[in-house]
């Protein structure tokens, strides 16, 4: 079978379907140019920074096995940046004598990011403290992937009862929804609290364990927190703040 016949068969089979299995890759398509197959695709950053490693595969057995395209040039391999109309050039006859069956393609991309401190989103917020007026709040970071952490240092005063309350809590944050300008995270922390009664000039009670759990909704540079605080009693708390 000569080259023209090979590519007539190849073009017919490739029209059957082209698949992509990565959320970073969209709009995969191809065309024949002489003795080469050109695979086009869009590489979407999906909120990530840095470069990706891109690989292309084909299958001729209905997806049971995928074989890597070896003789490729263009936007394949390591350090591929995000962008539209990326192109992989496959020199088919350098890998195969011929293709048979119903051919499908798969293009995958995986992040090569090595994040630094500056890739994390710092957020600040204040939160309610029962019937105490808070003068402190929460500081933490939302990671570029899914995991972050926070510390709450809150001082509140209850003027009618002449008491103040100090809380220190720390814990992890897990991002469960991640969009371009919106994210939803769950947080859970533990620490201790201390009450000071000015009428007796003493710490009363001496303090104890405090835990909390809630949600952080981040919309662009604005965040809202809602959760439950557990100490001697269970309280509902809310907070507002900014993400830098």
Protein backbone atom coordinates (compact mmCIF):
# COMPACT_ATOMS: atom_id res chain seq x y z
CA UNK A 1 0.00 0.00 0.00
CA UNK A 2 1.50 3.34 -0.98
CA UNK A 3 1.50 6.53 1.08
CA UNK A 4 -1.55 8.03 -0.57
CA UNK A 5 -3.58 4.93 0.16
CA UNK A 6 -2.40 4.88 3.73
CA UNK A 7 -3.52 8.43 4.31
CA UNK A 8 -6.81 7.94 2.54
CA UNK A 9 -7.53 5.18 5.04
CA UNK A 10 -6.17 7.22 7.93
CA UNK A 11 -8.27 10.27 7.14
CA UNK A 12 -11.43 8.20 6.86
CA UNK A 13 -10.83 6.48 10.17
CA UNK A 14 -9.84 9.60 12.09
CA UNK A 15 -13.07 11.33 11.15
CA UNK A 16 -14.87 8.82 13.35
CA UNK A 17 -14.05 10.56 16.66
CA UNK A 18 -11.42 12.54 18.56
CA UNK A 19 -11.55 12.50 22.35
CA UNK A 20 -9.98 14.53 25.10
CA UNK A 21 -9.95 13.42 28.73
CA UNK A 22 -8.38 16.39 30.45
CA UNK A 23 -10.21 19.40 31.83
CA UNK A 24 -7.30 21.53 30.66
CA UNK A 25 -7.74 20.56 27.00
CA UNK A 26 -10.63 21.71 24.80
CA UNK A 27 -11.64 21.87 21.12
CA UNK A 28 -9.42 19.05 19.89
CA UNK A 29 -9.50 18.72 16.10
CA UNK A 30 -7.19 17.57 13.32
CA UNK A 31 -6.40 17.86 9.66
CA UNK A 32 -4.13 16.12 7.16
CA UNK A 33 -1.24 18.02 5.60
CA UNK A 34 0.68 15.86 3.20
CA UNK A 35 2.28 13.01 5.12
CA UNK A 36 1.48 14.50 8.52
CA UNK A 37 -1.52 14.70 10.79
CA UNK A 38 -1.93 18.03 12.58
CA UNK A 39 -3.82 17.92 15.89
CA UNK A 40 -5.10 21.26 17.13
CA UNK A 41 -6.32 21.95 20.66
CA UNK A 42 -6.89 24.72 23.20
CA UNK A 43 -5.01 24.54 26.49
CA UNK A 44 -7.05 26.25 29.22
CA UNK A 45 -5.29 27.40 32.39
CA UNK A 46 -8.34 26.55 34.60
CA UNK A 47 -7.07 29.00 37.22
CA UNK A 48 -3.63 27.41 37.39
CA UNK A 49 -0.38 29.23 36.78
CA UNK A 50 2.74 27.99 35.04
CA UNK A 51 3.26 25.40 32.32
CA UNK A 52 1.87 21.95 31.55
CA UNK A 53 3.09 18.65 30.25
CA UNK A 54 1.06 17.67 27.16
CA UNK A 55 0.85 14.20 25.62
CA UNK A 56 -1.14 12.76 22.71
CA UNK A 57 -2.30 9.16 22.21
CA UNK A 58 -4.28 7.10 19.75
CA UNK A 59 -6.33 3.92 20.04
CA UNK A 60 -7.50 1.50 17.38
CA UNK A 61 -9.33 -0.96 19.67
CA UNK A 62 -12.26 1.13 20.90
CA UNK A 63 -10.34 2.69 23.77
CA UNK A 64 -9.07 -0.52 25.38
CA UNK A 65 -5.45 0.58 24.96
CA UNK A 66 -3.98 3.98 24.10
CA UNK A 67 -0.57 4.26 22.44
CA UNK A 68 1.56 7.36 22.77
CA UNK A 69 2.39 9.37 19.66
CA UNK A 70 6.18 9.41 19.59
CA UNK A 71 7.19 11.21 16.40
CA UNK A 72 5.59 14.54 17.25
CA UNK A 73 6.70 18.15 17.16
CA UNK A 74 5.03 21.40 18.16
CA UNK A 75 3.04 21.92 21.34
CA UNK A 76 3.69 18.54 22.93
CA UNK A 77 5.93 17.51 25.79
CA UNK A 78 6.95 19.64 28.75
CA UNK A 79 6.68 23.36 29.48
CA UNK A 80 3.65 24.03 27.29
CA UNK A 81 1.94 27.29 28.24
CA UNK A 82 -1.81 27.87 28.11
CA UNK A 83 -3.31 29.30 24.95
CA UNK A 84 -5.60 28.80 21.98
CA UNK A 85 -4.90 26.93 18.73
CA UNK A 86 -2.06 24.80 20.04
CA UNK A 87 -0.70 22.40 17.43
CA UNK A 88 0.83 18.92 17.54
CA UNK A 89 2.40 17.63 14.32
CA UNK A 90 2.44 13.83 14.07
CA UNK A 91 4.78 12.22 11.52
CA UNK A 92 2.68 9.09 11.25
CA UNK A 93 4.95 7.01 9.04
CA UNK A 94 7.86 7.43 11.43
CA UNK A 95 5.83 5.53 14.04
CA UNK A 96 3.69 3.15 11.97
CA UNK A 97 3.51 1.48 8.61
CA UNK A 98 -0.27 1.79 8.56
CA UNK A 99 -3.28 2.35 10.80
CA UNK A 100 -6.21 -0.02 10.89
CA UNK A 101 -9.50 0.12 12.76
CA UNK A 102 -11.51 2.97 14.18
CA UNK A 103 -8.92 5.49 15.30
CA UNK A 104 -9.50 7.83 18.22
CA UNK A 105 -7.16 10.41 19.71
CA UNK A 106 -6.64 11.51 23.27
CA UNK A 107 -4.78 14.66 24.35
CA UNK A 108 -3.92 15.10 28.02
CA UNK A 109 -2.33 17.91 30.01
CA UNK A 110 -1.02 17.90 33.56
CA UNK A 111 0.22 20.85 35.53
CA UNK A 112 3.95 21.24 36.16
CA UNK A 113 3.42 24.05 38.65
CA UNK A 114 5.78 24.59 41.53
CA UNK A 115 3.97 27.13 43.64
CA UNK A 116 5.65 29.77 45.73
CA UNK A 117 4.28 31.80 48.62
CA UNK A 118 3.12 34.50 46.21
CA UNK A 119 0.75 32.08 44.45
CA UNK A 120 -1.40 31.82 47.59
CA UNK A 121 -4.32 34.15 48.23
CA UNK A 122 -4.08 35.88 51.59
CA UNK A 123 -7.42 36.70 53.15
CA UNK A 124 -8.44 38.79 56.16
CA UNK A 125 -11.82 38.88 57.87
CA UNK A 126 -13.61 39.83 61.06
CA UNK A 127 -16.25 37.61 62.62
CA UNK A 128 -19.09 37.83 65.10
CA UNK A 129 -18.47 36.76 68.69
CA UNK A 130 -21.84 36.14 70.36
CA UNK A 131 -22.75 39.28 72.33
CA UNK A 132 -19.13 40.43 72.46
CA UNK A 133 -17.82 43.13 70.13
CA UNK A 134 -14.84 41.63 68.25
CA UNK A 135 -11.70 43.64 67.70
CA UNK A 136 -9.81 40.91 65.90
CA UNK A 137 -10.40 38.41 63.15
CA UNK A 138 -9.07 35.77 60.87
CA UNK A 139 -5.98 35.62 58.70
CA UNK A 140 -5.22 32.76 56.38
CA UNK A 141 -4.38 31.63 52.89
CA UNK A 142 -6.28 29.87 50.14
CA UNK A 143 -3.95 27.65 48.18
CA UNK A 144 -3.73 27.60 44.38
CA UNK A 145 -4.89 24.00 44.54
CA UNK A 146 -7.33 22.87 47.23
CA UNK A 147 -5.60 23.08 50.60
CA UNK A 148 -4.99 26.14 52.75
CA UNK A 149 -4.95 27.14 56.38
CA UNK A 150 -5.90 29.93 58.76
CA UNK A 151 -5.41 31.43 62.20
CA UNK A 152 -8.10 33.31 64.12
CA UNK A 153 -7.06 35.72 66.88
CA UNK A 154 -10.14 37.46 68.23
CA UNK A 155 -10.62 39.80 71.16
CA UNK A 156 -14.16 40.75 72.13
CA UNK A 157 -15.65 42.75 74.98
CA UNK A 158 -19.07 42.62 76.58
CA UNK A 159 -19.55 46.04 78.16
CA UNK A 160 -22.71 45.40 80.23
CA UNK A 161 -21.13 42.38 81.93
CA UNK A 162 -17.63 43.90 82.07
CA UNK A 163 -16.05 40.82 80.54
CA UNK A 164 -13.72 40.27 77.67
CA UNK A 165 -13.03 37.16 75.67
CA UNK A 166 -9.90 36.12 73.81
CA UNK A 167 -9.91 33.33 71.23
CA UNK A 168 -7.04 31.71 69.36
CA UNK A 169 -7.93 29.08 66.74
CA UNK A 170 -6.02 27.50 63.88
CA UNK A 171 -6.93 24.89 61.33
CA UNK A 172 -6.96 23.76 57.69
CA UNK A 173 -9.09 24.92 54.76
CA UNK A 174 -10.26 22.63 51.96
CA UNK A 175 -11.50 24.19 48.72
CA UNK A 176 -14.50 22.26 47.35
CA UNK A 177 -15.59 24.58 44.51
CA UNK A 178 -13.10 26.42 42.34
CA UNK A 179 -14.13 28.85 39.60
CA UNK A 180 -12.29 31.75 38.00
CA UNK A 181 -13.68 34.39 40.39
CA UNK A 182 -15.58 32.25 42.87
CA UNK A 183 -14.58 29.56 45.32
CA UNK A 184 -16.24 27.75 48.21
CA UNK A 185 -14.15 26.24 50.99
CA UNK A 186 -14.79 24.39 54.22
CA UNK A 187 -12.76 25.22 57.32
CA UNK A 188 -12.37 23.52 60.68
CA UNK A 189 -10.20 24.71 63.54
CA UNK A 190 -9.47 24.21 67.21
CA UNK A 191 -7.83 26.25 69.94
CA UNK A 192 -8.58 27.80 73.30
CA UNK A 193 -10.51 30.73 74.72
CA UNK A 194 -10.17 32.83 77.86
CA UNK A 195 -12.66 35.03 79.71
CA UNK A 196 -11.67 37.91 81.95
CA UNK A 197 -14.20 39.36 84.39
CA UNK A 198 -13.37 42.96 85.32
CA UNK A 199 -15.87 43.00 88.18
CA UNK A 200 -13.84 40.33 89.96
CA UNK A 201 -10.51 41.38 88.44
CA UNK A 202 -9.83 37.77 87.51
CA UNK A 203 -10.03 35.24 84.74
CA UNK A 204 -13.39 33.53 85.09
CA UNK A 205 -13.85 30.84 84.09
CA UNK A 206 -10.19 30.05 83.43
CA UNK A 207 -10.93 29.23 79.79
CA UNK A 208 -10.92 26.06 77.81
CA UNK A 209 -11.15 24.30 74.47
CA UNK A 210 -12.93 25.86 71.52
CA UNK A 211 -13.65 24.41 68.11
CA UNK A 212 -15.33 25.70 65.00
CA UNK A 213 -16.34 24.60 61.53
CA UNK A 214 -17.88 26.47 58.65
CA UNK A 215 -17.82 27.63 55.05
CA UNK A 216 -15.86 30.40 53.34
CA UNK A 217 -17.37 31.84 50.17
CA UNK A 218 -14.86 33.88 48.20
CA UNK A 219 -16.17 36.08 45.37
CA UNK A 220 -13.41 37.98 43.61
CA UNK A 221 -11.79 39.98 46.48
CA UNK A 222 -14.68 39.67 48.93
CA UNK A 223 -15.28 36.74 51.31
CA UNK A 224 -18.07 35.66 53.64
CA UNK A 225 -17.76 33.10 56.44
CA UNK A 226 -20.58 31.21 58.16
CA UNK A 227 -20.16 28.46 60.74
CA UNK A 228 -20.64 27.05 64.22
CA UNK A 229 -18.48 27.65 67.29
CA UNK A 230 -18.36 24.99 69.98
CA UNK A 231 -17.09 25.76 73.48
CA UNK A 232 -19.30 25.71 76.59
CA UNK A 233 -22.20 26.29 74.23
CA UNK A 234 -22.77 26.13 70.50
CA UNK A 235 -22.95 29.47 68.72
CA UNK A 236 -23.54 30.53 65.16
CA UNK A 237 -20.94 32.94 63.82
CA UNK A 238 -20.51 34.93 60.62
CA UNK A 239 -17.67 36.94 59.15
CA UNK A 240 -16.81 39.22 56.27
CA UNK A 241 -13.48 40.22 54.80
CA UNK A 242 -11.22 40.71 51.82
CA UNK A 243 -8.97 38.42 49.80
CA UNK A 244 -5.73 40.00 48.59
